[in-house]
N, C-alpha and C. Protein backbone atom coordinates (compact mmCIF):
# COMPACT_ATOMS: atom_id res chain seq x y z
N MET A 1 -10.15 13.49 30.14
CA MET A 1 -9.70 14.31 29.03
C MET A 1 -9.53 13.45 27.76
N VAL A 2 -9.00 12.24 27.94
CA VAL A 2 -8.80 11.36 26.81
C VAL A 2 -10.15 10.91 26.25
N LEU A 3 -11.15 10.78 27.11
CA LEU A 3 -12.48 10.39 26.67
C LEU A 3 -13.05 11.42 25.71
N LEU A 4 -12.82 12.71 25.97
CA LEU A 4 -13.27 13.74 25.04
C LEU A 4 -12.56 13.65 23.70
N LEU A 5 -11.30 13.26 23.73
CA LEU A 5 -10.55 13.08 22.49
C LEU A 5 -11.12 11.90 21.71
N TRP A 6 -11.50 10.82 22.40
CA TRP A 6 -12.11 9.66 21.74
C TRP A 6 -13.46 10.04 21.13
N VAL A 7 -14.24 10.83 21.86
CA VAL A 7 -15.57 11.23 21.37
C VAL A 7 -15.39 12.08 20.10
N PHE A 8 -14.47 13.02 20.12
CA PHE A 8 -14.23 13.85 18.94
C PHE A 8 -13.73 13.00 17.77
N ALA A 9 -12.80 12.09 18.03
CA ALA A 9 -12.29 11.20 16.96
C ALA A 9 -13.42 10.32 16.41
N GLY A 10 -14.26 9.83 17.29
CA GLY A 10 -15.40 9.02 16.87
C GLY A 10 -16.41 9.80 16.06
N TRP A 11 -16.66 11.03 16.49
CA TRP A 11 -17.61 11.90 15.77
C TRP A 11 -17.11 12.13 14.35
N LEU A 12 -15.85 12.53 14.22
CA LEU A 12 -15.28 12.80 12.90
C LEU A 12 -15.18 11.54 12.06
N SER A 13 -14.74 10.45 12.66
CA SER A 13 -14.59 9.19 11.91
C SER A 13 -15.94 8.62 11.49
N GLY A 14 -16.92 8.68 12.35
CA GLY A 14 -18.24 8.19 12.00
C GLY A 14 -18.87 9.01 10.91
N TRP A 15 -18.70 10.31 10.95
CA TRP A 15 -19.25 11.17 9.91
C TRP A 15 -18.58 10.89 8.57
N LEU A 16 -17.25 10.76 8.56
CA LEU A 16 -16.54 10.50 7.30
C LEU A 16 -16.86 9.11 6.76
N ALA A 17 -16.95 8.12 7.65
CA ALA A 17 -17.29 6.77 7.20
C ALA A 17 -18.71 6.73 6.65
N GLY A 18 -19.61 7.47 7.26
CA GLY A 18 -20.97 7.55 6.76
C GLY A 18 -21.07 8.23 5.42
N ARG A 19 -20.20 9.20 5.18
CA ARG A 19 -20.19 9.89 3.90
C ARG A 19 -19.67 9.00 2.79
N SER A 20 -18.86 8.00 3.14
CA SER A 20 -18.32 7.12 2.09
C SER A 20 -19.28 6.01 1.70
N LEU A 21 -20.42 5.91 2.40
CA LEU A 21 -21.42 4.88 2.10
C LEU A 21 -22.63 5.55 1.45
N GLU A 22 -23.29 4.83 0.59
CA GLU A 22 -24.49 5.37 -0.03
C GLU A 22 -25.62 4.35 0.10
N GLY A 23 -26.81 4.78 -0.12
CA GLY A 23 -27.96 3.90 -0.02
C GLY A 23 -28.78 4.22 1.20
N ASN A 24 -29.83 3.44 1.38
CA ASN A 24 -30.70 3.62 2.55
C ASN A 24 -29.96 3.13 3.78
N GLY A 25 -29.85 4.01 4.75
CA GLY A 25 -29.12 3.63 5.94
C GLY A 25 -29.69 4.34 7.15
N TYR A 26 -28.86 4.48 8.13
CA TYR A 26 -29.28 5.07 9.38
C TYR A 26 -29.36 6.59 9.30
N GLY A 27 -28.58 7.19 8.45
CA GLY A 27 -28.54 8.64 8.35
C GLY A 27 -27.29 9.18 9.05
N PRO A 28 -27.00 10.46 8.79
CA PRO A 28 -25.74 11.03 9.30
C PRO A 28 -25.68 11.06 10.84
N SER A 29 -26.80 11.33 11.50
CA SER A 29 -26.74 11.42 12.95
C SER A 29 -26.44 10.05 13.58
N MET A 30 -27.01 8.99 13.04
CA MET A 30 -26.73 7.67 13.57
C MET A 30 -25.31 7.21 13.23
N ASP A 31 -24.78 7.64 12.06
CA ASP A 31 -23.40 7.33 11.73
C ASP A 31 -22.46 7.95 12.76
N VAL A 32 -22.76 9.15 13.18
CA VAL A 32 -21.93 9.84 14.17
C VAL A 32 -22.04 9.12 15.52
N VAL A 33 -23.25 8.73 15.89
CA VAL A 33 -23.44 8.03 17.19
C VAL A 33 -22.72 6.69 17.17
N MET A 34 -22.79 5.96 16.03
CA MET A 34 -22.07 4.67 15.94
C MET A 34 -20.56 4.93 15.95
N GLY A 35 -20.10 5.99 15.33
CA GLY A 35 -18.67 6.32 15.36
C GLY A 35 -18.19 6.61 16.76
N ILE A 36 -18.99 7.37 17.52
CA ILE A 36 -18.61 7.67 18.90
C ILE A 36 -18.62 6.41 19.74
N GLY A 37 -19.61 5.54 19.55
CA GLY A 37 -19.66 4.27 20.29
C GLY A 37 -18.49 3.39 19.97
N GLY A 38 -18.15 3.29 18.69
CA GLY A 38 -16.98 2.50 18.29
C GLY A 38 -15.69 3.06 18.84
N ALA A 39 -15.60 4.38 18.88
CA ALA A 39 -14.39 5.02 19.38
C ALA A 39 -14.22 4.76 20.88
N VAL A 40 -15.31 4.88 21.62
CA VAL A 40 -15.22 4.63 23.07
C VAL A 40 -14.89 3.17 23.34
N LEU A 41 -15.51 2.24 22.62
CA LEU A 41 -15.21 0.82 22.80
C LEU A 41 -13.74 0.53 22.42
N GLY A 42 -13.29 1.09 21.30
CA GLY A 42 -11.90 0.88 20.89
C GLY A 42 -10.90 1.47 21.86
N GLY A 43 -11.21 2.66 22.36
CA GLY A 43 -10.33 3.32 23.31
C GLY A 43 -10.24 2.54 24.63
N LEU A 44 -11.41 2.06 25.10
CA LEU A 44 -11.41 1.28 26.35
C LEU A 44 -10.69 -0.05 26.16
N ALA A 45 -10.87 -0.68 25.01
CA ALA A 45 -10.16 -1.94 24.75
C ALA A 45 -8.66 -1.72 24.72
N MET A 46 -8.23 -0.63 24.11
CA MET A 46 -6.80 -0.35 24.06
C MET A 46 -6.27 0.04 25.44
N ARG A 47 -7.08 0.77 26.21
CA ARG A 47 -6.66 1.16 27.54
C ARG A 47 -6.50 -0.05 28.43
N SER A 48 -7.30 -1.09 28.21
CA SER A 48 -7.22 -2.29 29.05
C SER A 48 -5.95 -3.09 28.83
N THR A 49 -5.21 -2.78 27.76
CA THR A 49 -3.97 -3.51 27.51
C THR A 49 -2.84 -3.06 28.44
N GLY A 50 -3.03 -1.93 29.13
CA GLY A 50 -2.05 -1.50 30.11
C GLY A 50 -1.05 -0.47 29.61
N VAL A 51 -1.29 0.12 28.45
CA VAL A 51 -0.41 1.16 27.94
C VAL A 51 -0.64 2.43 28.76
N SER A 52 0.44 3.12 29.16
CA SER A 52 0.27 4.31 30.00
C SER A 52 1.15 5.45 29.50
N GLY A 53 0.86 6.61 29.99
CA GLY A 53 1.66 7.79 29.67
C GLY A 53 1.14 8.52 28.45
N TYR A 54 2.02 9.38 27.90
CA TYR A 54 1.66 10.17 26.73
C TYR A 54 1.40 9.28 25.51
N THR A 55 2.14 8.20 25.42
CA THR A 55 1.97 7.26 24.31
C THR A 55 0.57 6.64 24.36
N ALA A 56 0.02 6.46 25.53
CA ALA A 56 -1.31 5.85 25.65
C ALA A 56 -2.37 6.71 25.01
N ALA A 57 -2.28 8.03 25.17
CA ALA A 57 -3.28 8.92 24.58
C ALA A 57 -3.25 8.82 23.08
N ILE A 58 -2.08 8.74 22.52
CA ILE A 58 -1.96 8.66 21.06
C ILE A 58 -2.45 7.31 20.55
N LEU A 59 -2.00 6.23 21.19
CA LEU A 59 -2.38 4.89 20.74
C LEU A 59 -3.87 4.60 20.93
N THR A 60 -4.43 5.02 22.07
CA THR A 60 -5.85 4.77 22.29
C THR A 60 -6.71 5.60 21.35
N THR A 61 -6.27 6.81 21.03
CA THR A 61 -7.03 7.62 20.08
C THR A 61 -6.94 7.03 18.68
N LEU A 62 -5.79 6.51 18.30
CA LEU A 62 -5.67 5.86 17.01
C LEU A 62 -6.55 4.61 16.95
N ALA A 63 -6.54 3.81 17.99
CA ALA A 63 -7.41 2.62 18.05
C ALA A 63 -8.87 3.01 18.05
N ALA A 64 -9.21 4.10 18.73
CA ALA A 64 -10.58 4.57 18.75
C ALA A 64 -11.04 5.00 17.37
N THR A 65 -10.18 5.66 16.62
CA THR A 65 -10.50 6.09 15.26
C THR A 65 -10.72 4.90 14.35
N VAL A 66 -9.82 3.93 14.41
CA VAL A 66 -9.95 2.74 13.58
C VAL A 66 -11.22 1.97 13.91
N CYS A 67 -11.51 1.81 15.20
CA CYS A 67 -12.74 1.10 15.59
C CYS A 67 -13.99 1.84 15.18
N ALA A 68 -13.96 3.17 15.24
CA ALA A 68 -15.13 3.95 14.83
C ALA A 68 -15.42 3.77 13.36
N VAL A 69 -14.38 3.82 12.54
CA VAL A 69 -14.55 3.63 11.09
C VAL A 69 -15.05 2.23 10.80
N MET A 70 -14.43 1.23 11.43
CA MET A 70 -14.84 -0.17 11.21
C MET A 70 -16.28 -0.40 11.66
N PHE A 71 -16.64 0.10 12.83
CA PHE A 71 -17.99 -0.12 13.35
C PHE A 71 -19.04 0.53 12.45
N THR A 72 -18.81 1.77 12.04
CA THR A 72 -19.77 2.45 11.18
C THR A 72 -19.88 1.79 9.82
N THR A 73 -18.74 1.41 9.23
CA THR A 73 -18.74 0.81 7.91
C THR A 73 -19.39 -0.59 7.93
N VAL A 74 -19.04 -1.41 8.89
CA VAL A 74 -19.62 -2.76 8.95
C VAL A 74 -21.12 -2.69 9.21
N ALA A 75 -21.54 -1.80 10.10
CA ALA A 75 -22.99 -1.67 10.38
C ALA A 75 -23.71 -1.16 9.13
N GLY A 76 -23.10 -0.25 8.39
CA GLY A 76 -23.72 0.23 7.16
C GLY A 76 -23.81 -0.85 6.08
N LEU A 77 -22.75 -1.62 5.93
CA LEU A 77 -22.73 -2.67 4.91
C LEU A 77 -23.73 -3.79 5.27
N MET A 78 -23.89 -4.08 6.54
CA MET A 78 -24.85 -5.09 6.96
C MET A 78 -26.29 -4.61 6.74
N ASN A 79 -26.47 -3.30 6.69
CA ASN A 79 -27.79 -2.71 6.49
C ASN A 79 -28.11 -2.55 5.02
N GLY A 80 -27.24 -2.99 4.13
CA GLY A 80 -27.52 -2.91 2.70
C GLY A 80 -26.94 -1.71 1.99
N ARG A 81 -26.13 -0.94 2.67
CA ARG A 81 -25.51 0.20 1.99
C ARG A 81 -24.30 -0.28 1.21
N SER A 82 -23.85 0.54 0.28
CA SER A 82 -22.67 0.19 -0.51
C SER A 82 -21.71 1.38 -0.48
N PHE A 83 -20.47 1.11 -0.89
CA PHE A 83 -19.48 2.17 -0.93
C PHE A 83 -19.82 3.15 -2.03
N TYR A 84 -19.61 4.40 -1.77
CA TYR A 84 -19.86 5.46 -2.72
C TYR A 84 -18.68 5.54 -3.68
N THR A 85 -18.96 5.38 -4.95
CA THR A 85 -17.90 5.49 -5.96
C THR A 85 -18.35 6.48 -7.01
N ARG A 86 -17.45 7.29 -7.43
CA ARG A 86 -17.76 8.28 -8.46
C ARG A 86 -17.53 7.66 -9.82
N GLN A 87 -18.41 8.02 -10.74
CA GLN A 87 -18.25 7.57 -12.10
C GLN A 87 -17.28 8.51 -12.81
N LEU A 88 -16.33 7.93 -13.46
CA LEU A 88 -15.40 8.74 -14.24
C LEU A 88 -16.07 9.12 -15.56
N SER A 89 -16.03 10.37 -15.86
CA SER A 89 -16.66 10.80 -17.12
C SER A 89 -15.66 10.51 -18.25
N GLN A 90 -16.20 10.03 -19.33
CA GLN A 90 -15.34 9.73 -20.46
C GLN A 90 -15.17 10.98 -21.30
N VAL A 91 -13.93 11.35 -21.50
CA VAL A 91 -13.62 12.49 -22.33
C VAL A 91 -13.48 12.00 -23.75
N PRO A 92 -14.24 12.57 -24.67
CA PRO A 92 -14.13 12.08 -26.05
C PRO A 92 -12.72 12.33 -26.60
N VAL A 93 -12.27 11.38 -27.35
CA VAL A 93 -10.96 11.49 -27.99
C VAL A 93 -11.08 12.49 -29.12
N ARG A 94 -10.13 13.41 -29.15
CA ARG A 94 -10.16 14.42 -30.19
C ARG A 94 -9.96 13.81 -31.55
N GLN A 95 -10.59 14.39 -32.49
CA GLN A 95 -10.41 13.92 -33.87
C GLN A 95 -8.99 14.28 -34.31
N ARG A 96 -8.33 13.29 -34.85
CA ARG A 96 -6.99 13.53 -35.36
C ARG A 96 -7.06 14.30 -36.66
N SER A 97 -6.18 15.22 -36.81
CA SER A 97 -6.14 15.95 -38.08
C SER A 97 -5.49 15.08 -39.14
N ARG A 98 -5.62 15.48 -40.38
CA ARG A 98 -5.07 14.68 -41.47
C ARG A 98 -3.56 14.62 -41.41
N SER A 99 -2.92 15.60 -40.84
CA SER A 99 -1.47 15.59 -40.78
C SER A 99 -0.96 14.56 -39.76
N GLN A 100 -1.78 14.17 -38.82
CA GLN A 100 -1.38 13.19 -37.80
C GLN A 100 -1.68 11.76 -38.24
N ARG A 101 -2.39 11.56 -39.30
CA ARG A 101 -2.74 10.21 -39.74
C ARG A 101 -1.66 9.54 -40.46
């Protein structure tokens, strides 16, 4: 059951991390696959530490999410992609009236 939670967290994290990158890359489907792979690896690594119980599901899912984002972002940056940044549009300064001068 926790594995399904990791897969969902990886799917969502990989998709969001892929959306934050621009340029020629793997594409959205590969971003999701890398996110799921990173989530499963992160979840298994966290599970190997010996955490158990209800806390384990929360902690391993959090670690899976962080690993999915890191894995997708690092793989994208190594492939030549860059972070997507929006350009701020410059609003022209209004002309001051003669009474304000």
